[in-house]
Amino acid sequence: MAAPPTAATVQLRDQLRQKLEKWNIIEFSFSESTWYYWNSLNSFEGGDEIITKMINDIVAEWETKDITDMRQFENTKKMTREQVEEMVDERVDTYLCEFFIVSHLAQT
């Protein structure tokens, strides 16, 4: 039986969900980690390394299918909201494991 997620994991899951829900991504620059939004001339710089990496990968997936936001992703994948959230949670857990391993190896 898996251990319950830590508070940091839950916080990161929520953070990623909120960002995916709010952002209607119309253009993305991988070199600058910058997102441009519909009806906005403003851009957002991703500051958190893990969130930035996850968003990069998710957006890369979306771009191959001409998907611009999370609702469109749900419709395209024919997934329920709960299934999408579960997928996001799994992605967070995977990245946390990878980030921990890389960080740990860098210290040794």
C-alpha atoms as a PDB file:
ATOM      1  CA  MET A   1       0.000   0.000   0.000  1.00  0.00           C
ATOM      2  CA  ALA A   2       1.391   3.385  -1.011  1.00  0.00           C
ATOM      3  CA  ALA A   3       2.116   5.996   1.610  1.00  0.00           C
ATOM      4  CA  PRO A   4      -0.102   9.082   1.561  1.00  0.00           C
ATOM      5  CA  PRO A   5       1.375  12.026  -0.355  1.00  0.00           C
ATOM      6  CA  THR A   6       3.404  14.535   1.611  1.00  0.00           C
ATOM      7  CA  ALA A   7       2.194  18.100   2.099  1.00  0.00           C
ATOM      8  CA  ALA A   8       4.773  19.283  -0.462  1.00  0.00           C
ATOM      9  CA  THR A   9       3.448  16.817  -3.037  1.00  0.00           C
ATOM     10  CA  VAL A  10      -0.149  17.898  -2.449  1.00  0.00           C
ATOM     11  CA  GLN A  11       0.873  21.555  -2.735  1.00  0.00           C
ATOM     12  CA  LEU A  12       2.741  20.933  -5.989  1.00  0.00           C
ATOM     13  CA  ARG A  13      -0.198  18.976  -7.430  1.00  0.00           C
ATOM     14  CA  ASP A  14      -2.555  21.849  -6.591  1.00  0.00           C
ATOM     15  CA  GLN A  15      -0.137  24.404  -8.010  1.00  0.00           C
ATOM     16  CA  LEU A  16       0.122  22.592 -11.335  1.00  0.00           C
ATOM     17  CA  ARG A  17      -3.642  22.029 -11.571  1.00  0.00           C
ATOM     18  CA  GLN A  18      -4.345  25.713 -10.902  1.00  0.00           C
ATOM     19  CA  LYS A  19      -1.853  26.852 -13.523  1.00  0.00           C
ATOM     20  CA  LEU A  20      -3.167  24.452 -16.146  1.00  0.00           C
ATOM     21  CA  GLU A  21      -6.744  25.523 -15.433  1.00  0.00           C
ATOM     22  CA  LYS A  22      -6.055  29.255 -15.656  1.00  0.00           C
ATOM     23  CA  TRP A  23      -3.723  29.410 -18.611  1.00  0.00           C
ATOM     24  CA  ASN A  24      -4.984  29.587 -22.144  1.00  0.00           C
ATOM     25  CA  ILE A  25      -1.636  29.116 -23.829  1.00  0.00           C
ATOM     26  CA  ILE A  26      -1.393  30.569 -27.325  1.00  0.00           C
ATOM     27  CA  GLU A  27       2.357  30.703 -27.709  1.00  0.00           C
ATOM     28  CA  PHE A  28       5.184  29.162 -25.765  1.00  0.00           C
ATOM     29  CA  SER A  29       8.909  29.789 -25.900  1.00  0.00           C
ATOM     30  CA  PHE A  30      10.944  26.819 -24.694  1.00  0.00           C
ATOM     31  CA  SER A  31      14.201  28.783 -24.654  1.00  0.00           C
ATOM     32  CA  GLU A  32      12.814  31.461 -22.348  1.00  0.00           C
ATOM     33  CA  SER A  33      10.199  29.425 -20.430  1.00  0.00           C
ATOM     34  CA  THR A  34       7.661  32.122 -21.288  1.00  0.00           C
ATOM     35  CA  TRP A  35       3.932  31.662 -21.856  1.00  0.00           C
ATOM     36  CA  TYR A  36       1.706  34.104 -23.730  1.00  0.00           C
ATOM     37  CA  TYR A  37      -2.009  34.109 -23.026  1.00  0.00           C
ATOM     38  CA  TRP A  38      -5.122  34.719 -25.017  1.00  0.00           C
ATOM     39  CA  ASN A  39      -6.386  38.327 -24.629  1.00  0.00           C
ATOM     40  CA  SER A  40      -3.182  39.293 -22.877  1.00  0.00           C
ATOM     41  CA  LEU A  41      -0.041  41.072 -23.939  1.00  0.00           C
ATOM     42  CA  ASN A  42       1.591  39.941 -20.725  1.00  0.00           C
ATOM     43  CA  SER A  43       3.785  36.931 -20.353  1.00  0.00           C
ATOM     44  CA  PHE A  44       4.574  34.786 -17.351  1.00  0.00           C
ATOM     45  CA  GLU A  45       8.049  33.610 -16.447  1.00  0.00           C
ATOM     46  CA  GLY A  46       8.091  30.200 -14.818  1.00  0.00           C
ATOM     47  CA  GLY A  47      10.129  30.508 -11.630  1.00  0.00           C
ATOM     48  CA  ASP A  48       9.751  27.108 -10.048  1.00  0.00           C
ATOM     49  CA  GLU A  49      12.048  24.552 -11.661  1.00  0.00           C
ATOM     50  CA  ILE A  50       9.780  21.537 -11.254  1.00  0.00           C
ATOM     51  CA  ILE A  51       6.608  23.352 -12.342  1.00  0.00           C
ATOM     52  CA  THR A  52       8.462  24.836 -15.321  1.00  0.00           C
ATOM     53  CA  LYS A  53       9.691  21.404 -16.441  1.00  0.00           C
ATOM     54  CA  MET A  54       6.242  19.864 -16.103  1.00  0.00           C
ATOM     55  CA  ILE A  55       4.594  22.716 -17.988  1.00  0.00           C
ATOM     56  CA  ASN A  56       7.231  22.431 -20.742  1.00  0.00           C
ATOM     57  CA  ASP A  57       6.443  18.754 -21.234  1.00  0.00           C
ATOM     58  CA  ILE A  58       2.675  19.194 -21.045  1.00  0.00           C
ATOM     59  CA  VAL A  59       2.709  22.091 -23.511  1.00  0.00           C
ATOM     60  CA  ALA A  60       4.920  20.104 -25.888  1.00  0.00           C
ATOM     61  CA  GLU A  61       2.308  17.325 -25.801  1.00  0.00           C
ATOM     62  CA  TRP A  62      -0.507  19.806 -26.366  1.00  0.00           C
ATOM     63  CA  GLU A  63       1.220  21.582 -29.256  1.00  0.00           C
ATOM     64  CA  THR A  64       1.469  18.357 -31.253  1.00  0.00           C
ATOM     65  CA  LYS A  65      -2.335  18.133 -31.083  1.00  0.00           C
ATOM     66  CA  ASP A  66      -3.150  21.865 -31.464  1.00  0.00           C
ATOM     67  CA  ILE A  67      -4.484  21.973 -27.908  1.00  0.00           C
ATOM     68  CA  THR A  68      -4.342  25.333 -26.124  1.00  0.00           C
ATOM     69  CA  ASP A  69      -5.873  24.741 -22.707  1.00  0.00           C
ATOM     70  CA  MET A  70      -6.832  22.126 -20.152  1.00  0.00           C
ATOM     71  CA  ARG A  71     -10.552  22.029 -21.051  1.00  0.00           C
ATOM     72  CA  GLN A  72      -9.716  21.377 -24.674  1.00  0.00           C
ATOM     73  CA  PHE A  73      -7.314  18.669 -23.523  1.00  0.00           C
ATOM     74  CA  GLU A  74     -10.088  16.995 -21.513  1.00  0.00           C
ATOM     75  CA  ASN A  75     -12.428  17.070 -24.519  1.00  0.00           C
ATOM     76  CA  THR A  76      -9.806  15.769 -26.938  1.00  0.00           C
ATOM     77  CA  LYS A  77      -8.782  12.944 -24.631  1.00  0.00           C
ATOM     78  CA  LYS A  78     -12.424  12.206 -23.737  1.00  0.00           C
ATOM     79  CA  MET A  79     -11.421  12.246 -20.096  1.00  0.00           C
ATOM     80  CA  THR A  80     -13.398  13.287 -17.063  1.00  0.00           C
ATOM     81  CA  ARG A  81     -12.113  16.085 -14.862  1.00  0.00           C
ATOM     82  CA  GLU A  82     -11.140  13.511 -12.246  1.00  0.00           C
ATOM     83  CA  GLN A  83      -9.132  11.488 -14.774  1.00  0.00           C
ATOM     84  CA  VAL A  84      -7.225  14.584 -15.876  1.00  0.00           C
ATOM     85  CA  GLU A  85      -6.496  15.516 -12.260  1.00  0.00           C
ATOM     86  CA  GLU A  86      -5.297  11.979 -11.580  1.00  0.00           C
ATOM     87  CA  MET A  87      -3.000  12.182 -14.608  1.00  0.00           C
ATOM     88  CA  VAL A  88      -1.635  15.528 -13.367  1.00  0.00           C
ATOM     89  CA  ASP A  89      -1.063  14.049  -9.902  1.00  0.00           C
ATOM     90  CA  GLU A  90       0.841  11.103 -11.388  1.00  0.00           C
ATOM     91  CA  ARG A  91       3.009  13.469 -13.407  1.00  0.00           C
ATOM     92  CA  VAL A  92       3.797  15.504 -10.281  1.00  0.00           C
ATOM     93  CA  ASP A  93       4.711  12.363  -8.357  1.00  0.00           C
ATOM     94  CA  THR A  94       6.998  11.188 -11.172  1.00  0.00           C
ATOM     95  CA  TYR A  95       8.783  14.520 -11.393  1.00  0.00           C
ATOM     96  CA  LEU A  96       9.199  14.758  -7.643  1.00  0.00           C
ATOM     97  CA  CYS A  97      10.871  11.330  -7.644  1.00  0.00           C
ATOM     98  CA  GLU A  98      13.138  12.255 -10.569  1.00  0.00           C
ATOM     99  CA  PHE A  99      13.991  15.648  -9.069  1.00  0.00           C
ATOM    100  CA  PHE A 100      14.833  14.062  -5.718  1.00  0.00           C
ATOM    101  CA  ILE A 101      17.059  11.423  -7.324  1.00  0.00           C
ATOM    102  CA  VAL A 102      18.899  13.972  -9.489  1.00  0.00           C
ATOM    103  CA  SER A 103      19.322  16.354  -6.537  1.00  0.00           C
ATOM    104  CA  HIS A 104      20.559  13.544  -4.321  1.00  0.00           C
ATOM    105  CA  LEU A 105      23.044  12.294  -6.926  1.00  0.00           C
ATOM    106  CA  ALA A 106      24.343  15.830  -7.460  1.00  0.00           C
ATOM    107  CA  GLN A 107      25.120  16.092  -3.745  1.00  0.00           C
ATOM    108  CA  THR A 108      27.072  12.825  -3.593  1.00  0.00           C
END
